[in-house]
Protein backbone atom coordinates (compact mmCIF):
# COMPACT_ATOMS: atom_id res chain seq x y z
CA UNK A 1 0.00 0.00 0.00
CA UNK A 2 1.30 3.43 -0.87
CA UNK A 3 1.02 6.41 1.45
CA UNK A 4 1.02 10.08 0.46
CA UNK A 5 1.68 12.58 3.24
CA UNK A 6 1.10 9.73 5.70
CA UNK A 7 -2.36 8.88 4.34
CA UNK A 8 -3.07 5.55 2.60
CA UNK A 9 -3.65 5.82 -1.13
CA UNK A 10 -6.50 3.43 -1.88
CA UNK A 11 -7.04 4.29 -5.54
CA UNK A 12 -4.88 5.36 -8.46
CA UNK A 13 -4.52 9.17 -8.72
CA UNK A 14 -5.77 10.79 -11.93
CA UNK A 15 -2.58 12.71 -12.75
CA UNK A 16 -0.01 10.30 -11.18
CA UNK A 17 2.21 13.19 -10.02
CA UNK A 18 3.50 12.70 -6.48
CA UNK A 19 5.87 15.37 -5.14
CA UNK A 20 9.31 13.92 -4.30
CA UNK A 21 9.07 15.00 -0.65
CA UNK A 22 5.80 13.07 -0.27
CA UNK A 23 7.25 9.74 -1.37
CA UNK A 24 8.70 7.45 1.27
CA UNK A 25 9.51 3.77 0.92
CA UNK A 26 9.20 1.53 3.97
CA UNK A 27 10.92 -1.84 3.88
CA UNK A 28 9.79 -3.91 6.83
CA UNK A 29 12.60 -6.46 6.45
CA UNK A 30 15.36 -3.89 6.95
CA UNK A 31 16.07 -1.80 10.04
CA UNK A 32 17.89 0.93 8.13
CA UNK A 33 19.98 1.74 5.08
CA UNK A 34 22.95 -0.30 6.32
CA UNK A 35 20.78 -3.43 6.62
CA UNK A 36 19.59 -2.96 3.05
CA UNK A 37 23.14 -2.32 1.80
CA UNK A 38 24.47 -5.46 3.51
CA UNK A 39 21.63 -7.55 2.09
CA UNK A 40 22.32 -6.31 -1.45
CA UNK A 41 26.08 -6.92 -1.02
CA UNK A 42 25.43 -10.53 0.02
CA UNK A 43 22.78 -11.11 -2.64
CA UNK A 44 24.97 -9.87 -5.50
CA UNK A 45 28.18 -11.33 -4.00
CA UNK A 46 29.96 -7.97 -4.18
CA UNK A 47 33.24 -7.25 -2.43
CA UNK A 48 32.76 -4.54 0.20
CA UNK A 49 36.08 -3.07 -0.92
CA UNK A 50 34.58 -2.27 -4.35
CA UNK A 51 31.84 -0.01 -2.93
CA UNK A 52 32.55 3.75 -2.93
CA UNK A 53 31.41 4.32 0.67
CA UNK A 54 32.33 8.02 0.74
CA UNK A 55 30.02 8.72 -2.22
CA UNK A 56 27.21 6.63 -0.70
CA UNK A 57 27.63 8.36 2.65
CA UNK A 58 27.38 11.81 1.06
CA UNK A 59 24.23 10.78 -0.82
CA UNK A 60 22.70 9.45 2.40
CA UNK A 61 23.50 12.64 4.32
CA UNK A 62 21.94 14.79 1.58
PDB file of N, CA and C in Angstrom:
ATOM      1  N   UNK A   1       0.841  -1.169   0.000  1.00  0.00           N
ATOM      2  CA  UNK A   1       0.000   0.000   0.000  1.00  0.00           C
ATOM      3  C   UNK A   1       0.888   1.235   0.000  1.00  0.00           C
ATOM      4  N   UNK A   2       0.558   2.172  -0.813  1.00  0.00           N
ATOM      5  CA  UNK A   2       1.298   3.429  -0.873  1.00  0.00           C
ATOM      6  C   UNK A   2       0.668   4.432   0.083  1.00  0.00           C
ATOM      7  N   UNK A   3       1.504   5.334   0.605  1.00  0.00           N
ATOM      8  CA  UNK A   3       1.020   6.409   1.452  1.00  0.00           C
ATOM      9  C   UNK A   3       1.515   7.730   0.892  1.00  0.00           C
ATOM     10  N   UNK A   4       0.669   8.732   0.890  1.00  0.00           N
ATOM     11  CA  UNK A   4       1.021  10.077   0.458  1.00  0.00           C
ATOM     12  C   UNK A   4       0.735  10.999   1.618  1.00  0.00           C
ATOM     13  N   UNK A   5       1.769  11.718   2.063  1.00  0.00           N
ATOM     14  CA  UNK A   5       1.679  12.581   3.241  1.00  0.00           C
ATOM     15  C   UNK A   5       1.104  11.813   4.437  1.00  0.00           C
ATOM     16  N   UNK A   6       1.510  10.543   4.570  1.00  0.00           N
ATOM     17  CA  UNK A   6       1.100   9.726   5.702  1.00  0.00           C
ATOM     18  C   UNK A   6      -0.273   9.106   5.583  1.00  0.00           C
ATOM     19  N   UNK A   7      -1.012   9.416   4.524  1.00  0.00           N
ATOM     20  CA  UNK A   7      -2.359   8.880   4.338  1.00  0.00           C
ATOM     21  C   UNK A   7      -2.331   7.746   3.308  1.00  0.00           C
ATOM     22  N   UNK A   8      -3.065   6.648   3.568  1.00  0.00           N
ATOM     23  CA  UNK A   8      -3.074   5.550   2.596  1.00  0.00           C
ATOM     24  C   UNK A   8      -3.715   5.973   1.283  1.00  0.00           C
ATOM     25  N   UNK A   9      -3.110   5.532   0.190  1.00  0.00           N
ATOM     26  CA  UNK A   9      -3.653   5.823  -1.131  1.00  0.00           C
ATOM     27  C   UNK A   9      -4.382   4.569  -1.595  1.00  0.00           C
ATOM     28  N   UNK A  10      -5.696   4.608  -1.587  1.00  0.00           N
ATOM     29  CA  UNK A  10      -6.500   3.430  -1.878  1.00  0.00           C
ATOM     30  C   UNK A  10      -6.870   3.293  -3.350  1.00  0.00           C
ATOM     31  N   UNK A  11      -6.764   4.374  -4.114  1.00  0.00           N
ATOM     32  CA  UNK A  11      -7.041   4.285  -5.542  1.00  0.00           C
ATOM     33  C   UNK A  11      -5.998   5.066  -6.325  1.00  0.00           C
ATOM     34  N   UNK A  12      -5.874   4.740  -7.598  1.00  0.00           N
ATOM     35  CA  UNK A  12      -4.880   5.358  -8.463  1.00  0.00           C
ATOM     36  C   UNK A  12      -5.217   6.838  -8.675  1.00  0.00           C
ATOM     37  N   UNK A  13      -4.256   7.743  -8.483  1.00  0.00           N
ATOM     38  CA  UNK A  13      -4.524   9.167  -8.721  1.00  0.00           C
ATOM     39  C   UNK A  13      -4.720   9.435 -10.211  1.00  0.00           C
ATOM     40  N   UNK A  14      -5.480  10.462 -10.535  1.00  0.00           N
ATOM     41  CA  UNK A  14      -5.775  10.788 -11.932  1.00  0.00           C
ATOM     42  C   UNK A  14      -4.548  11.295 -12.679  1.00  0.00           C
ATOM     43  N   UNK A  15      -3.721  12.121 -12.042  1.00  0.00           N
ATOM     44  CA  UNK A  15      -2.579  12.709 -12.755  1.00  0.00           C
ATOM     45  C   UNK A  15      -1.253  12.002 -12.486  1.00  0.00           C
ATOM     46  N   UNK A  16      -1.196  11.100 -11.533  1.00  0.00           N
ATOM     47  CA  UNK A  16      -0.014  10.303 -11.182  1.00  0.00           C
ATOM     48  C   UNK A  16       1.193  11.107 -10.714  1.00  0.00           C
ATOM     49  N   UNK A  17       1.078  12.415 -10.528  1.00  0.00           N
ATOM     50  CA  UNK A  17       2.208  13.194 -10.024  1.00  0.00           C
ATOM     51  C   UNK A  17       2.215  13.161  -8.503  1.00  0.00           C
ATOM     52  N   UNK A  18       3.323  12.708  -7.931  1.00  0.00           N
ATOM     53  CA  UNK A  18       3.497  12.701  -6.483  1.00  0.00           C
ATOM     54  C   UNK A  18       4.764  13.498  -6.203  1.00  0.00           C
ATOM     55  N   UNK A  19       4.674  14.580  -5.438  1.00  0.00           N
ATOM     56  CA  UNK A  19       5.872  15.373  -5.141  1.00  0.00           C
ATOM     57  C   UNK A  19       6.952  14.510  -4.493  1.00  0.00           C
ATOM     58  N   UNK A  20       8.223  14.745  -4.846  1.00  0.00           N
ATOM     59  CA  UNK A  20       9.312  13.922  -4.296  1.00  0.00           C
ATOM     60  C   UNK A  20       9.355  13.898  -2.776  1.00  0.00           C
ATOM     61  N   UNK A  21       9.005  14.997  -2.112  1.00  0.00           N
ATOM     62  CA  UNK A  21       9.071  15.000  -0.650  1.00  0.00           C
ATOM     63  C   UNK A  21       7.919  14.230  -0.010  1.00  0.00           C
ATOM     64  N   UNK A  22       6.934  13.817  -0.811  1.00  0.00           N
ATOM     65  CA  UNK A  22       5.800  13.071  -0.271  1.00  0.00           C
ATOM     66  C   UNK A  22       6.011  11.572  -0.387  1.00  0.00           C
ATOM     67  N   UNK A  23       7.041  11.153  -1.115  1.00  0.00           N
ATOM     68  CA  UNK A  23       7.246   9.738  -1.367  1.00  0.00           C
ATOM     69  C   UNK A  23       8.252   9.159  -0.382  1.00  0.00           C
ATOM     70  N   UNK A  24       7.815   8.172   0.375  1.00  0.00           N
ATOM     71  CA  UNK A  24       8.700   7.448   1.274  1.00  0.00           C
ATOM     72  C   UNK A  24       8.496   5.963   1.037  1.00  0.00           C
ATOM     73  N   UNK A  25       9.581   5.209   1.094  1.00  0.00           N
ATOM     74  CA  UNK A  25       9.508   3.768   0.921  1.00  0.00           C
ATOM     75  C   UNK A  25       9.852   3.122   2.253  1.00  0.00           C
ATOM     76  N   UNK A  26       8.975   2.246   2.719  1.00  0.00           N
ATOM     77  CA  UNK A  26       9.203   1.535   3.971  1.00  0.00           C
ATOM     78  C   UNK A  26       9.448   0.066   3.655  1.00  0.00           C
ATOM     79  N   UNK A  27      10.580  -0.433   4.076  1.00  0.00           N
ATOM     80  CA  UNK A  27      10.923  -1.836   3.880  1.00  0.00           C
ATOM     81  C   UNK A  27      10.941  -2.508   5.240  1.00  0.00           C
ATOM     82  N   UNK A  28       9.934  -3.325   5.499  1.00  0.00           N
ATOM     83  CA  UNK A  28       9.787  -3.912   6.832  1.00  0.00           C
ATOM     84  C   UNK A  28      10.894  -4.900   7.178  1.00  0.00           C
ATOM     85  N   UNK A  29      11.560  -5.478   6.175  1.00  0.00           N
ATOM     86  CA  UNK A  29      12.603  -6.465   6.451  1.00  0.00           C
ATOM     87  C   UNK A  29      13.910  -5.833   6.904  1.00  0.00           C
ATOM     88  N   UNK A  30      14.090  -4.537   6.667  1.00  0.00           N
ATOM     89  CA  UNK A  30      15.359  -3.892   6.949  1.00  0.00           C
ATOM     90  C   UNK A  30      15.185  -2.821   8.007  1.00  0.00           C
ATOM     91  N   UNK A  31      16.131  -2.763   8.942  1.00  0.00           N
ATOM     92  CA  UNK A  31      16.066  -1.804  10.044  1.00  0.00           C
ATOM     93  C   UNK A  31      16.592  -0.431   9.647  1.00  0.00           C
ATOM     94  N   UNK A  32      17.326  -0.344   8.558  1.00  0.00           N
ATOM     95  CA  UNK A  32      17.889   0.929   8.128  1.00  0.00           C
ATOM     96  C   UNK A  32      18.660   0.748   6.843  1.00  0.00           C
ATOM     97  N   UNK A  33      19.272   1.821   6.359  1.00  0.00           N
ATOM     98  CA  UNK A  33      19.979   1.743   5.081  1.00  0.00           C
ATOM     99  C   UNK A  33      21.159   0.776   5.106  1.00  0.00           C
ATOM    100  N   UNK A  34      21.817   0.632   6.248  1.00  0.00           N
ATOM    101  CA  UNK A  34      22.950  -0.298   6.316  1.00  0.00           C
ATOM    102  C   UNK A  34      22.478  -1.743   6.166  1.00  0.00           C
ATOM    103  N   UNK A  35      21.349  -2.082   6.780  1.00  0.00           N
ATOM    104  CA  UNK A  35      20.783  -3.425   6.623  1.00  0.00           C
ATOM    105  C   UNK A  35      20.506  -3.731   5.158  1.00  0.00           C
ATOM    106  N   UNK A  36      19.890  -2.772   4.466  1.00  0.00           N
ATOM    107  CA  UNK A  36      19.591  -2.960   3.051  1.00  0.00           C
ATOM    108  C   UNK A  36      20.875  -3.097   2.239  1.00  0.00           C
ATOM    109  N   UNK A  37      21.857  -2.264   2.511  1.00  0.00           N
ATOM    110  CA  UNK A  37      23.138  -2.325   1.798  1.00  0.00           C
ATOM    111  C   UNK A  37      23.807  -3.687   2.005  1.00  0.00           C
ATOM    112  N   UNK A  38      23.845  -4.167   3.235  1.00  0.00           N
ATOM    113  CA  UNK A  38      24.471  -5.462   3.515  1.00  0.00           C
ATOM    114  C   UNK A  38      23.739  -6.599   2.816  1.00  0.00           C
ATOM    115  N   UNK A  39      22.414  -6.528   2.789  1.00  0.00           N
ATOM    116  CA  UNK A  39      21.626  -7.546   2.094  1.00  0.00           C
ATOM    117  C   UNK A  39      21.975  -7.572   0.606  1.00  0.00           C
ATOM    118  N   UNK A  40      22.022  -6.379  -0.016  1.00  0.00           N
ATOM    119  CA  UNK A  40      22.322  -6.310  -1.446  1.00  0.00           C
ATOM    120  C   UNK A  40      23.744  -6.772  -1.744  1.00  0.00           C
ATOM    121  N   UNK A  41      24.690  -6.470  -0.856  1.00  0.00           N
ATOM    122  CA  UNK A  41      26.075  -6.925  -1.020  1.00  0.00           C
ATOM    123  C   UNK A  41      26.123  -8.443  -1.017  1.00  0.00           C
ATOM    124  N   UNK A  42      25.436  -9.062  -0.061  1.00  0.00           N
ATOM    125  CA  UNK A  42      25.430 -10.530   0.024  1.00  0.00           C
ATOM    126  C   UNK A  42      24.715 -11.147  -1.175  1.00  0.00           C
ATOM    127  N   UNK A  43      23.584 -10.568  -1.545  1.00  0.00           N
ATOM    128  CA  UNK A  43      22.778 -11.114  -2.643  1.00  0.00           C
ATOM    129  C   UNK A  43      23.544 -11.098  -3.960  1.00  0.00           C
ATOM    130  N   UNK A  44      24.246 -10.012  -4.239  1.00  0.00           N
ATOM    131  CA  UNK A  44      24.968  -9.871  -5.501  1.00  0.00           C
ATOM    132  C   UNK A  44      26.415 -10.345  -5.411  1.00  0.00           C
ATOM    133  N   UNK A  45      26.820 -10.815  -4.220  1.00  0.00           N
ATOM    134  CA  UNK A  45      28.179 -11.325  -3.999  1.00  0.00           C
ATOM    135  C   UNK A  45      29.231 -10.288  -4.404  1.00  0.00           C
ATOM    136  N   UNK A  46      29.060  -9.083  -3.882  1.00  0.00           N
ATOM    137  CA  UNK A  46      29.964  -7.969  -4.179  1.00  0.00           C
ATOM    138  C   UNK A  46      30.985  -7.839  -3.061  1.00  0.00           C
ATOM    139  N   UNK A  47      32.207  -7.519  -3.422  1.00  0.00           N
ATOM    140  CA  UNK A  47      33.241  -7.251  -2.429  1.00  0.00           C
ATOM    141  C   UNK A  47      32.974  -5.881  -1.806  1.00  0.00           C
ATOM    142  N   UNK A  48      32.986  -5.797  -0.503  1.00  0.00           N
ATOM    143  CA  UNK A  48      32.764  -4.536   0.199  1.00  0.00           C
ATOM    144  C   UNK A  48      33.819  -3.509  -0.187  1.00  0.00           C
ATOM    145  N   UNK A  49      35.005  -3.974  -0.538  1.00  0.00           N
ATOM    146  CA  UNK A  49      36.085  -3.069  -0.915  1.00  0.00           C
ATOM    147  C   UNK A  49      35.823  -2.359  -2.240  1.00  0.00           C
ATOM    148  N   UNK A  50      34.878  -2.874  -3.055  1.00  0.00           N
ATOM    149  CA  UNK A  50      34.577  -2.272  -4.346  1.00  0.00           C
ATOM    150  C   UNK A  50      33.509  -1.179  -4.251  1.00  0.00           C
ATOM    151  N   UNK A  51      32.930  -0.970  -3.085  1.00  0.00           N
ATOM    152  CA  UNK A  51      31.838  -0.010  -2.933  1.00  0.00           C
ATOM    153  C   UNK A  51      32.407   1.348  -2.523  1.00  0.00           C
ATOM    154  N   UNK A  52      32.073   2.403  -3.276  1.00  0.00           N
ATOM    155  CA  UNK A  52      32.555   3.747  -2.933  1.00  0.00           C
ATOM    156  C   UNK A  52      31.760   4.311  -1.748  1.00  0.00           C
ATOM    157  N   UNK A  53      32.168   3.962  -0.535  1.00  0.00           N
ATOM    158  CA  UNK A  53      31.406   4.318   0.668  1.00  0.00           C
ATOM    159  C   UNK A  53      31.331   5.829   0.882  1.00  0.00           C
ATOM    160  N   UNK A  54      32.369   6.571   0.536  1.00  0.00           N
ATOM    161  CA  UNK A  54      32.328   8.023   0.736  1.00  0.00           C
ATOM    162  C   UNK A  54      31.209   8.639  -0.100  1.00  0.00           C
ATOM    163  N   UNK A  55      31.078   8.209  -1.344  1.00  0.00           N
ATOM    164  CA  UNK A  55      30.024   8.720  -2.223  1.00  0.00           C
ATOM    165  C   UNK A  55      28.642   8.330  -1.691  1.00  0.00           C
ATOM    166  N   UNK A  56      28.485   7.088  -1.254  1.00  0.00           N
ATOM    167  CA  UNK A  56      27.212   6.635  -0.696  1.00  0.00           C
ATOM    168  C   UNK A  56      26.868   7.401   0.576  1.00  0.00           C
ATOM    169  N   UNK A  57      27.859   7.647   1.404  1.00  0.00           N
ATOM    170  CA  UNK A  57      27.629   8.363   2.648  1.00  0.00           C
ATOM    171  C   UNK A  57      27.158   9.793   2.368  1.00  0.00           C
ATOM    172  N   UNK A  58      27.800  10.460   1.421  1.00  0.00           N
ATOM    173  CA  UNK A  58      27.380  11.810   1.057  1.00  0.00           C
ATOM    174  C   UNK A  58      25.952  11.846   0.527  1.00  0.00           C
ATOM    175  N   UNK A  59      25.595  10.855  -0.302  1.00  0.00           N
ATOM    176  CA  UNK A  59      24.229  10.781  -0.817  1.00  0.00           C
ATOM    177  C   UNK A  59      23.234  10.569   0.318  1.00  0.00           C
ATOM    178  N   UNK A  60      23.588   9.723   1.268  1.00  0.00           N
ATOM    179  CA  UNK A  60      22.700   9.450   2.397  1.00  0.00           C
ATOM    180  C   UNK A  60      22.516  10.695   3.252  1.00  0.00           C
ATOM    181  N   UNK A  61      23.581  11.427   3.492  1.00  0.00           N
ATOM    182  CA  UNK A  61      23.505  12.639   4.320  1.00  0.00           C
ATOM    183  C   UNK A  61      22.638  13.699   3.645  1.00  0.00           C
ATOM    184  N   UNK A  62      22.759  13.804   2.312  1.00  0.00           N
ATOM    185  CA  UNK A  62      21.940  14.787   1.577  1.00  0.00           C
ATOM    186  C   UNK A  62      20.485  14.458   1.696  1.00  0.00           C
TER     187      UNK A  62
END
